[in-house]
C-alpha atoms as a PDB file:
ATOM      1  CA  MET A   1     103.364 105.614  91.077  1.00  0.00           C
ATOM      2  CA  ASP A   2     101.462 107.570  93.735  1.00  0.00           C
ATOM      3  CA  GLY A   3     103.528 110.228  95.543  1.00  0.00           C
ATOM      4  CA  SER A   4     103.023 108.738  98.995  1.00  0.00           C
ATOM      5  CA  VAL A   5     104.107 105.308  97.746  1.00  0.00           C
ATOM      6  CA  LYS A   6     107.251 106.849  96.263  1.00  0.00           C
ATOM      7  CA  SER A   7     108.030 108.604  99.525  1.00  0.00           C
ATOM      8  CA  LEU A   8     107.511 105.394 101.464  1.00  0.00           C
ATOM      9  CA  THR A   9     109.767 103.521  99.049  1.00  0.00           C
ATOM     10  CA  PHE A  10     112.564 106.067  99.384  1.00  0.00           C
ATOM     11  CA  GLY A  11     112.184 105.981 103.157  1.00  0.00           C
ATOM     12  CA  ILE A  12     112.514 102.216 103.211  1.00  0.00           C
ATOM     13  CA  GLU A  13     115.550 102.393 100.932  1.00  0.00           C
ATOM     14  CA  TRP A  14     117.180 104.923 103.234  1.00  0.00           C
ATOM     15  CA  LEU A  15     116.520 102.757 106.302  1.00  0.00           C
ATOM     16  CA  ILE A  16     117.958  99.706 104.538  1.00  0.00           C
ATOM     17  CA  VAL A  17     121.096 101.636 103.618  1.00  0.00           C
ATOM     18  CA  GLU A  18     121.484 102.884 107.202  1.00  0.00           C
ATOM     19  CA  LYS A  19     120.992  99.406 108.657  1.00  0.00           C
ATOM     20  CA  PHE A  20     122.800  97.087 106.273  1.00  0.00           C
ATOM     21  CA  VAL A  21     125.493  99.000 104.357  1.00  0.00           C
ATOM     22  CA  SER A  22     128.567  98.977 106.551  1.00  0.00           C
ATOM     23  CA  ASP A  23     131.093 100.443 104.104  1.00  0.00           C
ATOM     24  CA  GLU A  24     131.098 104.145 104.941  1.00  0.00           C
ATOM     25  CA  GLN A  25     131.992 105.346 101.445  1.00  0.00           C
ATOM     26  CA  THR A  26     129.225 103.275  99.828  1.00  0.00           C
ATOM     27  CA  ARG A  27     126.760 104.386 102.481  1.00  0.00           C
ATOM     28  CA  ASN A  28     127.624 108.056 101.894  1.00  0.00           C
ATOM     29  CA  ILE A  29     127.166 107.676  98.135  1.00  0.00           C
ATOM     30  CA  LEU A  30     123.780 105.980  98.588  1.00  0.00           C
ATOM     31  CA  CYS A  31     122.614 108.444 101.233  1.00  0.00           C
ATOM     32  CA  ASP A  32     123.638 111.375  99.031  1.00  0.00           C
ATOM     33  CA  SER A  33     121.657 109.989  96.115  1.00  0.00           C
ATOM     34  CA  LEU A  34     118.627 109.478  98.376  1.00  0.00           C
ATOM     35  CA  GLY A  35     119.236 112.770 100.195  1.00  0.00           C
ATOM     36  CA  ASP A  36     116.913 115.015  98.232  1.00  0.00           C
ATOM     37  CA  ARG A  37     114.066 112.635  98.694  1.00  0.00           C
ATOM     38  CA  MET A  38     114.881 112.167 102.374  1.00  0.00           C
ATOM     39  CA  SER A  39     114.472 115.858 103.049  1.00  0.00           C
ATOM     40  CA  LEU A  40     110.866 115.473 101.889  1.00  0.00           C
ATOM     41  CA  ILE A  41     110.368 112.623 104.337  1.00  0.00           C
ATOM     42  CA  HIS A  42     111.840 114.701 107.174  1.00  0.00           C
ATOM     43  CA  GLU A  43     109.586 117.596 106.191  1.00  0.00           C
ATOM     44  CA  TYR A  44     106.569 115.275 106.199  1.00  0.00           C
ATOM     45  CA  ALA A  45     107.496 113.966 109.660  1.00  0.00           C
ATOM     46  CA  ARG A  46     107.946 117.487 111.038  1.00  0.00           C
ATOM     47  CA  ASN A  47     104.573 118.528 109.629  1.00  0.00           C
ATOM     48  CA  LYS A  48     102.977 115.578 111.429  1.00  0.00           C
ATOM     49  CA  GLU A  49     104.683 116.654 114.667  1.00  0.00           C
ATOM     50  CA  VAL A  50     103.438 120.219 114.305  1.00  0.00           C
ATOM     51  CA  LYS A  51      99.879 119.005 113.644  1.00  0.00           C
ATOM     52  CA  ALA A  52     100.029 116.768 116.726  1.00  0.00           C
ATOM     53  CA  GLU A  53     101.349 119.637 118.854  1.00  0.00           C
ATOM     54  CA  ASN A  54      98.611 121.935 117.548  1.00  0.00           C
ATOM     55  CA  ASN A  55      95.963 119.317 118.349  1.00  0.00           C
ATOM     56  CA  LEU A  56      97.346 118.993 121.876  1.00  0.00           C
ATOM     57  CA  ILE A  57      97.176 122.757 122.351  1.00  0.00           C
ATOM     58  CA  ARG A  58      93.606 122.860 120.976  1.00  0.00           C
ATOM     59  CA  ASN A  59      92.516 120.065 123.310  1.00  0.00           C
ATOM     60  CA  LEU A  60      94.074 121.766 126.326  1.00  0.00           C
ATOM     61  CA  LEU A  61      92.420 125.074 125.413  1.00  0.00           C
ATOM     62  CA  ARG A  62      89.056 123.325 125.026  1.00  0.00           C
ATOM     63  CA  ALA A  63      89.602 121.688 128.418  1.00  0.00           C
ATOM     64  CA  GLY A  64      89.877 125.141 129.963  1.00  0.00           C
ATOM     65  CA  TYR A  65      93.611 125.530 130.464  1.00  0.00           C
ATOM     66  CA  SER A  66      94.980 129.051 130.182  1.00  0.00           C
ATOM     67  CA  PRO A  67      97.306 129.865 127.283  1.00  0.00           C
ATOM     68  CA  GLN A  68     100.040 130.808 129.767  1.00  0.00           C
ATOM     69  CA  LYS A  69      99.854 127.437 131.521  1.00  0.00           C
ATOM     70  CA  ILE A  70      99.851 125.547 128.219  1.00  0.00           C
ATOM     71  CA  ALA A  71     102.868 127.488 126.966  1.00  0.00           C
ATOM     72  CA  LYS A  72     104.745 126.872 130.212  1.00  0.00           C
ATOM     73  CA  ASP A  73     103.870 123.168 130.505  1.00  0.00           C
ATOM     74  CA  THR A  74     104.432 122.296 126.842  1.00  0.00           C
ATOM     75  CA  LYS A  75     107.419 124.626 126.374  1.00  0.00           C
ATOM     76  CA  MET A  76     105.717 126.132 123.321  1.00  0.00           C
ATOM     77  CA  PRO A  77     105.839 129.850 122.572  1.00  0.00           C
ATOM     78  CA  LEU A  78     102.902 131.728 124.074  1.00  0.00           C
ATOM     79  CA  SER A  79     102.397 133.458 120.723  1.00  0.00           C
ATOM     80  CA  ARG A  80     101.784 130.060 119.081  1.00  0.00           C
ATOM     81  CA  VAL A  81      99.282 129.061 121.761  1.00  0.00           C
ATOM     82  CA  ARG A  82      97.463 132.391 121.407  1.00  0.00           C
ATOM     83  CA  ALA A  83      97.354 132.019 117.605  1.00  0.00           C
ATOM     84  CA  ILE A  84      95.703 128.621 117.979  1.00  0.00           C
ATOM     85  CA  GLU A  85      93.350 130.090 120.579  1.00  0.00           C
ATOM     86  CA  ARG A  86      92.291 132.765 118.040  1.00  0.00           C
ATOM     87  CA  THR A  87      91.558 130.131 115.416  1.00  0.00           C
ATOM     88  CA  LEU A  88      89.420 128.226 117.916  1.00  0.00           C
ATOM     89  CA  LYS A  89      87.414 131.336 118.687  1.00  0.00           C
ATOM     90  CA  SER A  90      86.819 132.009 114.999  1.00  0.00           C
ATOM     91  CA  GLU A  91      85.555 128.463 114.291  1.00  0.00           C
END
């Protein structure tokens, strides 16, 4: 099975357990057995968030906003905004 299909399957299983298993002990056992795989799903989601944040910063820089204003308005570290700015200049 393809890796992304496996991840999706484990994610669906986890959601089903969270939604429909009311016995706390059973839910804990099932969540523990899915736990390792769930950390991969959380990591995937966080990576998507970071990519979206980076795209937002890039778009704001291209639109002419200063790195200081972007950092202040988005509550992102100025060092991160400047690092993205450097990559834009090198493209």
